[in-house]
Protein backbone atom coordinates (compact mmCIF):
# COMPACT_ATOMS: atom_id res chain seq x y z
CA MET A 1 91.80 76.22 91.42
CA VAL A 2 90.65 77.94 88.22
CA GLU A 3 87.38 78.99 89.86
CA PHE A 4 89.32 80.40 92.84
CA GLU A 5 91.63 82.36 90.52
CA SER A 6 88.72 83.68 88.47
CA ARG A 7 86.82 84.77 91.59
CA SER A 8 89.98 86.32 93.03
CA GLU A 9 90.58 88.30 89.86
CA ASP A 10 87.00 89.60 89.94
CA VAL A 11 87.35 90.68 93.57
CA PHE A 12 90.75 92.32 93.06
CA ARG A 13 89.47 94.12 89.95
CA ALA A 14 86.42 95.31 91.84
CA ILE A 15 88.30 96.69 94.84
CA ALA A 16 91.05 98.25 92.69
CA ASP A 17 88.78 101.17 91.87
CA PRO A 18 88.52 103.93 94.52
CA THR A 19 84.88 104.66 93.65
CA ARG A 20 83.90 101.04 94.24
CA ARG A 21 85.89 100.95 97.50
CA ALA A 22 84.01 104.06 98.63
CA MET A 23 80.72 102.34 97.81
CA LEU A 24 81.72 99.25 99.76
CA GLU A 25 82.78 101.38 102.72
CA ARG A 26 79.37 103.01 102.87
CA LEU A 27 77.61 99.66 102.49
CA THR A 28 79.45 98.26 105.52
CA ALA A 29 77.43 100.68 107.66
CA GLU A 30 74.00 100.21 106.09
CA ASP A 31 72.10 99.01 103.05
CA LEU A 32 71.62 101.78 100.49
CA THR A 33 69.77 102.37 97.26
CA VAL A 34 71.65 102.98 94.03
CA GLY A 35 70.68 106.66 94.24
CA GLU A 36 71.96 106.97 97.79
CA LEU A 37 75.27 105.41 96.75
CA ALA A 38 75.59 107.69 93.70
CA GLU A 39 74.72 110.94 95.47
CA PRO A 40 77.96 111.75 97.38
CA LEU A 41 80.07 110.48 94.50
CA ASP A 42 78.62 113.06 92.10
CA MET A 43 77.80 110.53 89.41
CA SER A 44 74.78 109.49 87.43
CA LEU A 45 72.62 106.55 88.39
CA ALA A 46 73.82 104.77 85.26
CA ALA A 47 77.49 105.18 86.27
CA ALA A 48 76.75 104.05 89.83
CA SER A 49 74.83 101.06 88.52
CA LYS A 50 77.77 100.12 86.32
CA HIS A 51 80.13 100.18 89.32
CA LEU A 52 77.62 98.15 91.32
CA GLY A 53 77.47 95.62 88.51
CA VAL A 54 81.22 95.03 88.88
CA LEU A 55 80.86 94.70 92.66
CA GLU A 56 77.89 92.38 92.23
CA GLY A 57 79.77 90.27 89.67
CA ALA A 58 82.59 89.86 92.18
CA GLY A 59 80.12 88.74 94.83
CA LEU A 60 80.77 91.77 97.05
CA VAL A 61 77.30 93.32 96.71
CA THR A 62 73.81 91.97 96.39
CA ARG A 63 70.86 93.96 95.08
CA GLU A 64 67.32 93.33 96.20
CA LYS A 65 64.14 94.93 94.97
CA ARG A 66 62.20 96.46 97.86
CA GLY A 67 59.07 98.08 96.61
CA ARG A 68 60.11 100.46 93.86
CA GLU A 69 63.75 100.64 94.90
CA ARG A 70 66.80 98.48 94.38
CA VAL A 71 68.61 98.19 97.70
CA CYS A 72 72.27 97.21 97.81
CA SER A 73 73.89 95.19 100.59
CA PHE A 74 77.53 94.37 101.28
CA ASP A 75 78.53 90.70 101.25
CA PRO A 76 81.96 90.36 102.87
CA SER A 77 82.33 86.65 102.11
CA ALA A 78 83.91 87.38 98.71
CA LEU A 79 86.76 89.14 100.52
CA LEU A 80 87.82 85.76 101.87
CA THR A 81 89.58 85.20 98.53
CA VAL A 82 91.68 88.31 99.20
CA ARG A 83 92.43 87.15 102.73
CA ASP A 84 93.47 83.72 101.45
CA TRP A 85 95.77 85.28 98.87
CA VAL A 86 97.40 87.59 101.42
CA GLU A 87 97.85 84.73 103.90
CA ARG A 88 100.09 82.95 101.40
CA TYR A 89 102.64 85.71 102.00
CA VAL A 90 102.44 85.91 105.79
CA GLY A 91 105.28 83.43 106.27
CA PHE A 92 107.45 85.29 103.77
CA TRP A 93 106.99 88.61 105.55
CA ASN A 94 107.39 87.11 109.00
CA GLU A 95 110.75 85.62 107.96
CA ARG A 96 111.89 88.94 106.47
CA LEU A 97 110.82 90.94 109.51
CA ASP A 98 112.44 88.45 111.88
CA ALA A 99 115.69 88.74 109.90
CA LEU A 100 115.46 92.53 110.03
CA ASP A 101 114.88 92.40 113.78
CA ILE A 102 117.96 90.21 114.23
CA ALA A 103 120.07 92.51 112.03
CA ILE A 104 118.98 95.58 114.02
CA ARG A 105 119.75 93.90 117.34
CA GLU A 106 123.16 92.77 116.10
CA SER A 107 124.00 96.27 114.87
CA ARG A 108 123.12 97.70 118.27
CA ASP A 109 125.44 95.18 119.97
CA ASP A 110 128.42 96.33 117.89
């Protein structure tokens, strides 16, 4: 359980930042180099690499050396921890929405 919580915290921390979410979004379409990821975000390679380090630490990105370049790939498996966390609340929200539906129907009948 502690490992799950630690991994979850890393993933949530990683996706909390809009810059890192933008990087992940681009990586869902294709593998990119650090420079390609940094370019539209108007940031230095060092700053982009730092963001990628957080994503890599959370297990969301892998980096592979291809020739002289470091190519980044998206690994969606780490997002399973987010899905699992959200699923714990599905029953709660279903109950609340069902109760709201009933209340709306009853108010229409009055």
